[in-house]
Amino acid sequence: MDRRTFLKLSSASAVLAGFPVPGLTKTLPKGRIAVLFLEGGLDGLAAVPPIGDPMLSRMRRNLVASKPLKVNPFFALHPNLKVFAQLLGRNQAAVFHATNLPYTRRSHFEGQRIAQTGDPSGAETMTGWLGRAMDQAGIAGRALTLDTPLLIRGTTDIDSFYPASLLGSQDPDGALLALIAEGHDGLTARTFAKLHEKAMASESLPRVRDPEGLALATGRAMRDPEGPRVTMIRIPEFDTHANQGTDIGLHPELIGLIDRVIARFREGLGPVWNETVLLTLTEFGRTVRENGSAGTDHGYGSAGLLAGGLISRAGVITNWPGLAEADLWEGRDLLSTLDYRSVCAACIEAALGLDHDVIADQVFFAPKLRRVTPYIFG
């Protein structure tokens, strides 16, 4: 089995949320927000290598791509990020580097939970930062999902519904749709019918579960004026402890998958791309040094990729700490010099129209959270 086939068969998933609900939904925000949850730890030094830092090649002789796409004299992109590079050239993409959530213990379970809750001090927090943002924007209510992810759970109950891949479900009769809609208002039935038609019945869009197909399906759903305002697409397998690869290998292929997901999501959105921002989310980065198995281990700082028509200022934004021994976190990891929750807050502000102070206090429980919106959204 080649890597592309393996990744298509991996356990990717997507969720759509923020459907308008009569009696609950306030005036709908114009923007839309998408989160690519990269489980396992994105290697930010592989995705966005600091080619101007002389320590990069010394620390990672076998992990630097041979033909990186130069962004400026100091930073480049992995060659598999071709679409992202084009968007960067159009002022529709940006990178925050040397960043991460304020979490340093390197546990997948803890890190992924904090990435979704946005609360590093609250292991018992039962809501996610995007769910709380939806509460504040007045668009919480319904989600298209089998099991609502922690990221979009808010204090307002979310009514979930999900089109199962059951034999005969591609052409359900009216009675089945009526049963699904029973107990709900007419919008649920209409929304389900639209999603069923667009994401399940169309010959050009089969019922897929691979990340690229999910990105196209969610983009098409979010294009609808009465459709969802929020989506999360989960891409696993970034935990590459061995044989990580440079030009080819699992991590480079996953970086290319991010690029293809962005391209398909943009295709699905059509003109609504101009009202959308997409950001990556990962629990931690990877070690600066390659290990003895030609891979990397759990680290700290990473890179966040942003794309979308809402972005107006492209570039790599960072307070670069350096890769010299004395500059590393605990002598092994890229130091995070920016709380990534600031980036998430900027995306919420741009897409959902909330005030930064409200986001900082009510969404992330961090009133002093830095505002970085002007760096990318003008």
Protein backbone atom coordinates (compact mmCIF):
# COMPACT_ATOMS: atom_id res chain seq x y z
CA MET A 1 0.00 0.00 0.00
CA ASP A 2 1.46 3.41 -0.97
CA ARG A 3 1.34 6.39 1.38
CA ARG A 4 -1.41 8.19 -0.54
CA THR A 5 -3.69 5.16 -0.25
CA PHE A 6 -2.81 4.75 3.42
CA LEU A 7 -3.72 8.36 4.14
CA LYS A 8 -7.01 8.01 2.28
CA LEU A 9 -7.88 5.05 4.48
CA SER A 10 -6.80 6.73 7.72
CA SER A 11 -9.37 7.80 10.28
CA ALA A 12 -9.95 11.38 9.16
CA SER A 13 -13.21 13.02 10.13
CA ALA A 14 -15.08 16.29 9.72
CA VAL A 15 -17.80 18.12 11.59
CA LEU A 16 -20.05 20.98 10.51
CA ALA A 17 -21.53 23.29 13.13
CA GLY A 18 -23.16 26.66 13.62
CA PHE A 19 -26.35 26.06 11.63
CA PRO A 20 -28.85 28.90 12.11
CA VAL A 21 -31.69 27.94 14.47
CA PRO A 22 -34.91 29.98 14.67
CA GLY A 23 -35.41 31.38 18.15
CA LEU A 24 -31.77 30.82 19.11
CA THR A 25 -29.57 32.16 16.33
CA LYS A 26 -28.89 35.87 16.37
CA THR A 27 -27.90 37.82 13.28
CA LEU A 28 -25.58 35.49 11.39
CA PRO A 29 -21.95 36.59 11.16
CA LYS A 30 -20.82 36.99 7.59
CA GLY A 31 -17.61 35.04 8.04
CA ARG A 32 -16.82 31.36 8.36
CA ILE A 33 -14.04 29.60 10.26
CA ALA A 34 -12.43 26.21 9.61
CA VAL A 35 -9.99 24.30 11.82
CA LEU A 36 -7.64 21.61 10.51
CA PHE A 37 -6.81 19.56 13.60
CA LEU A 38 -3.43 17.91 12.93
CA GLU A 39 -3.20 15.11 15.48
CA GLY A 40 0.19 13.87 16.55
CA GLY A 41 2.25 17.05 16.41
CA LEU A 42 3.02 18.99 13.23
CA ASP A 43 6.75 19.45 12.64
CA GLY A 44 6.81 23.20 12.08
CA LEU A 45 10.50 23.10 11.16
CA ALA A 46 9.68 20.71 8.31
CA ALA A 47 6.58 22.59 7.10
CA VAL A 48 8.16 26.06 7.35
CA PRO A 49 11.95 25.58 7.59
CA PRO A 50 14.01 28.55 8.83
CA ILE A 51 16.57 28.28 6.05
CA GLY A 52 18.38 31.37 7.32
CA ASP A 53 19.15 29.82 10.69
CA PRO A 54 22.55 28.11 10.38
CA MET A 55 21.68 25.59 13.08
CA LEU A 56 18.88 24.04 11.01
CA SER A 57 21.12 21.88 8.81
CA ARG A 58 23.37 20.98 11.75
CA MET A 59 20.47 19.72 13.86
CA ARG A 60 18.57 18.02 11.03
CA ARG A 61 20.91 16.73 8.36
CA ASN A 62 18.37 14.15 7.15
CA LEU A 63 15.15 16.10 7.68
CA VAL A 64 15.47 19.24 5.53
CA ALA A 65 13.73 19.17 2.13
CA SER A 66 16.08 19.55 -0.83
CA LYS A 67 14.12 22.24 -2.70
CA PRO A 68 12.12 24.34 -0.24
CA LEU A 69 9.91 27.14 -1.59
CA LYS A 70 11.59 30.36 -0.52
CA VAL A 71 9.30 32.90 1.19
CA ASN A 72 12.00 35.37 2.25
CA PRO A 73 15.73 35.15 3.03
CA PHE A 74 15.05 33.45 6.36
CA PHE A 75 11.98 31.24 5.85
CA ALA A 76 10.76 28.79 3.25
CA LEU A 77 7.88 26.34 2.79
CA HIS A 78 8.09 22.61 2.28
CA PRO A 79 7.89 21.93 -1.48
CA ASN A 80 4.63 20.03 -0.94
CA LEU A 81 2.90 23.28 0.10
CA LYS A 82 2.52 24.53 -3.46
CA VAL A 83 -1.09 25.73 -3.20
CA PHE A 84 -0.38 27.38 0.14
CA ALA A 85 2.61 29.16 -1.44
CA GLN A 86 0.36 30.50 -4.20
CA LEU A 87 -2.13 31.76 -1.63
CA LEU A 88 0.72 33.40 0.27
CA GLY A 89 1.62 35.25 -2.91
CA ARG A 90 -1.98 36.49 -3.19
CA ASN A 91 -2.15 37.76 0.40
CA GLN A 92 -4.55 34.94 1.28
CA ALA A 93 -2.30 32.97 3.61
CA ALA A 94 0.00 33.55 6.57
CA VAL A 95 2.25 31.62 8.95
CA PHE A 96 2.78 32.06 12.68
CA HIS A 97 6.04 30.37 13.65
CA ALA A 98 7.61 29.44 16.99
CA THR A 99 4.15 29.23 18.51
CA ASN A 100 2.07 26.76 20.46
CA LEU A 101 -0.55 26.54 23.13
CA PRO A 102 0.87 27.07 26.65
CA TYR A 103 1.46 23.35 27.17
CA THR A 104 4.89 21.72 27.61
CA ARG A 105 4.33 18.17 28.94
CA ARG A 106 4.31 16.48 25.51
CA SER A 107 1.39 14.10 26.13
CA HIS A 108 -0.89 13.52 23.13
CA PHE A 109 -3.95 13.05 25.32
CA GLU A 110 -3.37 16.15 27.45
CA GLY A 111 -2.14 18.23 24.55
CA GLN A 112 -5.08 17.44 22.30
CA ARG A 113 -7.51 18.16 25.11
CA ILE A 114 -5.91 21.55 25.81
CA ALA A 115 -5.81 22.31 22.08
CA GLN A 116 -9.58 21.81 21.98
CA THR A 117 -10.56 23.43 25.27
CA GLY A 118 -8.11 26.32 25.00
CA ASP A 119 -7.74 26.13 28.77
CA PRO A 120 -4.29 24.91 29.94
CA SER A 121 -5.31 25.07 33.60
CA GLY A 122 -8.63 23.25 33.40
CA ALA A 123 -8.47 19.51 32.87
CA GLU A 124 -12.15 19.38 33.79
CA THR A 125 -13.22 22.00 31.25
CA MET A 126 -16.09 20.42 29.32
CA THR A 127 -16.42 23.01 26.55
CA GLY A 128 -14.18 23.89 23.61
CA TRP A 129 -12.87 27.29 22.62
CA LEU A 130 -14.68 27.24 19.29
CA GLY A 131 -17.91 26.14 20.97
CA ARG A 132 -17.66 29.03 23.42
CA ALA A 133 -16.99 31.40 20.53
CA MET A 134 -20.12 30.10 18.80
CA ASP A 135 -22.06 30.76 22.02
CA GLN A 136 -20.83 34.34 22.08
CA ALA A 137 -21.66 34.81 18.39
CA GLY A 138 -25.12 33.30 18.86
CA ILE A 139 -24.70 30.54 16.28
CA ALA A 140 -24.48 27.45 18.47
CA GLY A 141 -27.33 25.03 18.00
CA ARG A 142 -26.80 22.24 15.50
CA ALA A 143 -23.88 20.16 14.33
CA LEU A 144 -23.56 17.59 11.57
CA THR A 145 -21.60 14.94 13.46
CA LEU A 146 -21.88 11.51 15.02
CA ASP A 147 -20.11 12.56 18.21
CA THR A 148 -19.68 16.28 18.88
CA PRO A 149 -15.92 17.03 19.24
CA LEU A 150 -14.81 18.82 22.38
CA LEU A 151 -13.57 21.74 20.26
CA ILE A 152 -17.09 22.87 19.30
CA ARG A 153 -18.94 21.99 22.50
CA GLY A 154 -20.35 25.10 24.14
CA THR A 155 -22.55 25.92 27.07
CA THR A 156 -25.53 25.90 24.70
CA ASP A 157 -26.63 22.34 23.94
CA ILE A 158 -25.80 21.27 20.40
CA ASP A 159 -28.34 19.14 18.59
CA SER A 160 -26.32 16.68 16.49
CA PHE A 161 -27.45 14.81 13.42
CA TYR A 162 -25.40 12.68 11.07
CA PRO A 163 -25.94 11.02 7.64
CA ALA A 164 -24.85 7.42 8.20
CA SER A 165 -23.38 5.31 5.40
CA LEU A 166 -26.05 2.61 5.60
CA LEU A 167 -27.20 0.39 2.77
CA GLY A 168 -29.99 2.20 0.97
CA SER A 169 -29.34 5.54 2.67
CA GLN A 170 -28.23 7.18 -0.58
CA ASP A 171 -31.82 7.29 -1.80
CA PRO A 172 -34.03 7.53 1.28
CA ASP A 173 -37.76 7.90 0.84
CA GLY A 174 -39.78 10.78 2.17
CA ALA A 175 -40.87 8.82 5.24
CA LEU A 176 -37.27 8.36 6.33
CA LEU A 177 -36.51 12.06 5.99
CA ALA A 178 -39.68 12.87 7.90
CA LEU A 179 -38.59 10.53 10.69
CA ILE A 180 -35.19 12.20 10.89
CA ALA A 181 -36.80 15.63 11.07
CA GLU A 182 -39.47 14.62 13.59
CA GLY A 183 -39.38 16.75 16.69
CA HIS A 184 -37.45 19.57 15.01
CA ASP A 185 -38.39 22.67 13.07
CA GLY A 186 -38.49 22.77 9.30
CA LEU A 187 -34.96 24.10 8.97
CA THR A 188 -33.46 20.81 10.15
CA ALA A 189 -35.29 18.86 7.46
CA ARG A 190 -34.32 21.38 4.79
CA THR A 191 -30.69 21.46 5.91
CA PHE A 192 -30.51 17.65 6.03
CA ALA A 193 -32.02 17.39 2.57
CA LYS A 194 -29.53 19.90 1.16
CA LEU A 195 -26.55 18.18 2.77
CA HIS A 196 -27.82 14.78 1.67
CA GLU A 197 -28.19 16.01 -1.89
CA LYS A 198 -24.84 17.76 -2.01
CA ALA A 199 -22.61 15.50 0.07
CA MET A 200 -24.14 12.07 -0.43
CA ALA A 201 -26.20 11.79 -3.60
CA SER A 202 -24.03 13.68 -6.05
CA GLU A 203 -22.06 11.45 -8.40
CA SER A 204 -19.21 13.95 -8.29
CA LEU A 205 -19.05 13.77 -4.51
CA PRO A 206 -19.35 10.22 -3.18
CA ARG A 207 -19.71 9.50 0.52
CA VAL A 208 -16.04 9.73 1.32
CA ARG A 209 -14.19 9.80 4.59
CA ASP A 210 -10.76 10.86 3.32
CA PRO A 211 -9.61 14.39 4.23
CA GLU A 212 -9.72 15.77 0.68
CA GLY A 213 -13.27 14.57 0.05
CA LEU A 214 -14.37 15.82 3.45
CA ALA A 215 -12.85 19.23 2.72
CA LEU A 216 -14.76 19.51 -0.56
CA ALA A 217 -18.00 18.40 1.09
CA THR A 218 -17.70 20.79 4.01
CA GLY A 219 -16.78 23.66 1.70
CA ARG A 220 -19.88 23.07 -0.38
CA ALA A 221 -22.06 22.87 2.71
CA MET A 222 -20.64 26.12 4.10
CA ARG A 223 -21.30 27.90 0.80
CA ASP A 224 -25.04 27.74 1.54
CA PRO A 225 -26.31 31.04 3.04
CA GLU A 226 -28.28 29.01 5.60
CA GLY A 227 -25.50 26.48 6.07
CA PRO A 228 -22.93 26.06 8.84
CA ARG A 229 -20.47 28.76 9.81
CA VAL A 230 -17.91 26.45 11.45
CA THR A 231 -16.10 23.26 10.48
CA MET A 232 -13.36 21.06 11.89
CA ILE A 233 -11.48 18.50 9.82
CA ARG A 234 -9.32 16.04 11.71
CA ILE A 235 -6.13 14.66 10.12
CA PRO A 236 -4.21 12.07 12.20
CA GLU A 237 -0.81 10.34 11.93
CA PHE A 238 1.61 13.28 12.43
CA ASP A 239 3.47 11.44 15.22
CA THR A 240 6.51 10.43 13.12
CA HIS A 241 9.10 9.02 15.54
CA ALA A 242 10.88 7.06 12.80
CA ASN A 243 11.61 7.53 9.08
CA GLN A 244 9.94 10.94 9.04
CA GLY A 245 11.24 11.80 5.58
CA THR A 246 12.46 14.93 3.79
CA ASP A 247 11.11 15.19 0.23
CA ILE A 248 9.23 11.92 0.59
CA GLY A 249 8.03 10.07 3.65
CA LEU A 250 5.03 10.14 5.96
CA HIS A 251 5.43 13.66 7.35
CA PRO A 252 6.13 15.24 3.94
CA GLU A 253 3.09 13.43 2.53
CA LEU A 254 0.96 14.71 5.40
CA ILE A 255 2.21 18.24 4.73
CA GLY A 256 1.15 17.73 1.12
CA LEU A 257 -2.21 16.47 2.36
CA ILE A 258 -2.72 19.74 4.25
CA ASP A 259 -2.08 21.55 0.98
CA ARG A 260 -4.60 19.42 -0.93
CA VAL A 261 -7.21 19.79 1.81
CA ILE A 262 -6.88 23.57 1.62
CA ALA A 263 -7.24 23.42 -2.16
CA ARG A 264 -10.36 21.23 -2.02
CA PHE A 265 -11.91 23.29 0.75
CA ARG A 266 -11.36 26.44 -1.33
CA GLU A 267 -12.90 24.71 -4.33
CA GLY A 268 -15.98 23.71 -2.33
CA LEU A 269 -16.45 27.19 -0.87
CA GLY A 270 -16.33 28.97 -4.22
CA PRO A 271 -16.97 32.71 -3.74
CA VAL A 272 -17.54 32.21 0.01
CA TRP A 273 -13.77 31.62 0.29
CA ASN A 274 -13.52 35.41 0.49
CA GLU A 275 -15.49 35.32 3.77
CA THR A 276 -13.54 32.41 5.32
CA VAL A 277 -10.43 31.80 7.37
CA LEU A 278 -8.86 28.38 7.89
CA LEU A 279 -6.25 27.64 10.54
CA THR A 280 -4.29 24.57 11.56
CA LEU A 281 -4.30 23.33 15.15
CA THR A 282 -1.89 20.77 16.64
CA GLU A 283 -1.09 19.70 20.18
CA PHE A 284 2.67 20.38 20.00
CA GLY A 285 5.65 20.52 17.68
CA ARG A 286 8.56 18.11 17.21
CA THR A 287 12.09 18.05 18.58
CA VAL A 288 14.67 20.20 16.82
CA ARG A 289 17.19 17.38 16.55
CA GLU A 290 16.41 14.29 14.54
CA ASN A 291 16.49 11.15 16.66
CA GLY A 292 18.39 7.92 16.03
CA SER A 293 15.55 6.53 13.92
CA ALA A 294 15.56 9.36 11.37
CA GLY A 295 12.45 10.82 13.01
CA THR A 296 11.51 13.36 15.66
CA ASP A 297 9.97 13.15 19.10
CA HIS A 298 7.34 15.18 20.95
CA GLY A 299 8.36 18.83 21.21
CA TYR A 300 6.99 22.26 22.04
CA GLY A 301 6.98 25.11 19.48
CA SER A 302 5.54 24.56 16.01
CA ALA A 303 4.04 26.57 13.15
CA GLY A 304 0.44 27.53 12.48
CA LEU A 305 -0.79 27.83 8.89
CA LEU A 306 -3.65 30.19 8.03
CA ALA A 307 -5.45 30.58 4.71
CA GLY A 308 -8.59 32.25 3.42
CA GLY A 309 -9.99 35.29 1.69
CA LEU A 310 -10.44 37.12 5.00
CA ILE A 311 -6.65 37.39 5.27
CA SER A 312 -5.25 40.63 3.88
CA ARG A 313 -1.61 40.51 4.99
CA ALA A 314 0.60 37.59 4.03
CA GLY A 315 3.89 36.64 5.59
CA VAL A 316 5.66 34.69 8.31
CA ILE A 317 4.96 36.29 11.69
CA THR A 318 7.33 35.31 14.47
CA ASN A 319 9.60 36.40 17.28
CA TRP A 320 12.21 33.86 16.23
CA PRO A 321 14.03 32.37 19.25
CA GLY A 322 16.80 30.63 17.33
CA LEU A 323 17.89 26.99 17.12
CA ALA A 324 21.18 27.24 18.99
CA GLU A 325 21.56 24.97 22.00
CA ALA A 326 21.07 27.81 24.49
CA ASP A 327 17.89 28.94 22.73
CA LEU A 328 16.02 25.63 22.87
CA TRP A 329 13.28 24.82 25.34
CA GLU A 330 14.74 22.34 27.83
CA GLY A 331 17.69 21.88 25.48
CA ARG A 332 15.65 20.05 22.84
CA ASP A 333 12.60 21.93 21.50
CA LEU A 334 11.80 25.02 19.47
CA LEU A 335 10.73 27.64 22.00
CA SER A 336 7.20 28.98 21.65
CA THR A 337 7.33 32.78 21.75
CA LEU A 338 3.61 33.34 21.08
CA ASP A 339 0.55 31.80 22.71
CA TYR A 340 -1.30 30.22 19.77
CA ARG A 341 -4.58 31.10 21.42
CA SER A 342 -3.86 34.66 20.23
CA VAL A 343 -3.95 33.37 16.65
CA CYS A 344 -7.19 31.48 17.28
CA ALA A 345 -8.64 34.64 18.83
CA ALA A 346 -7.71 36.68 15.76
CA CYS A 347 -9.46 34.19 13.48
CA ILE A 348 -12.58 34.29 15.66
CA GLU A 349 -12.53 38.08 15.64
CA ALA A 350 -12.24 38.22 11.85
CA ALA A 351 -14.76 35.47 11.04
CA LEU A 352 -17.39 35.83 13.75
CA GLY A 353 -17.09 39.53 14.46
CA LEU A 354 -16.51 39.29 18.20
CA ASP A 355 -14.50 41.85 20.16
CA HIS A 356 -11.01 40.69 21.13
CA ASP A 357 -11.53 41.49 24.80
CA VAL A 358 -14.68 39.34 24.85
CA ILE A 359 -12.81 36.50 23.12
CA ALA A 360 -9.87 36.73 25.51
CA ASP A 361 -12.04 36.79 28.62
CA GLN A 362 -15.05 34.63 27.75
CA VAL A 363 -13.59 32.20 25.21
CA PHE A 364 -10.02 31.65 26.43
CA PHE A 365 -10.31 32.79 30.08
CA ALA A 366 -7.15 34.86 29.51
CA PRO A 367 -8.00 38.59 29.72
CA LYS A 368 -4.40 39.61 28.93
CA LEU A 369 -4.21 37.49 25.76
CA ARG A 370 -2.26 39.35 23.09
CA ARG A 371 -4.19 40.71 20.10
CA VAL A 372 -2.50 39.80 16.79
CA THR A 373 -5.41 40.52 14.44
CA PRO A 374 -3.72 43.53 12.72
CA TYR A 375 -0.79 41.39 11.62
CA ILE A 376 -2.94 39.35 9.22
CA PHE A 377 -6.42 40.84 8.93
CA GLY A 378 -5.51 44.54 8.74
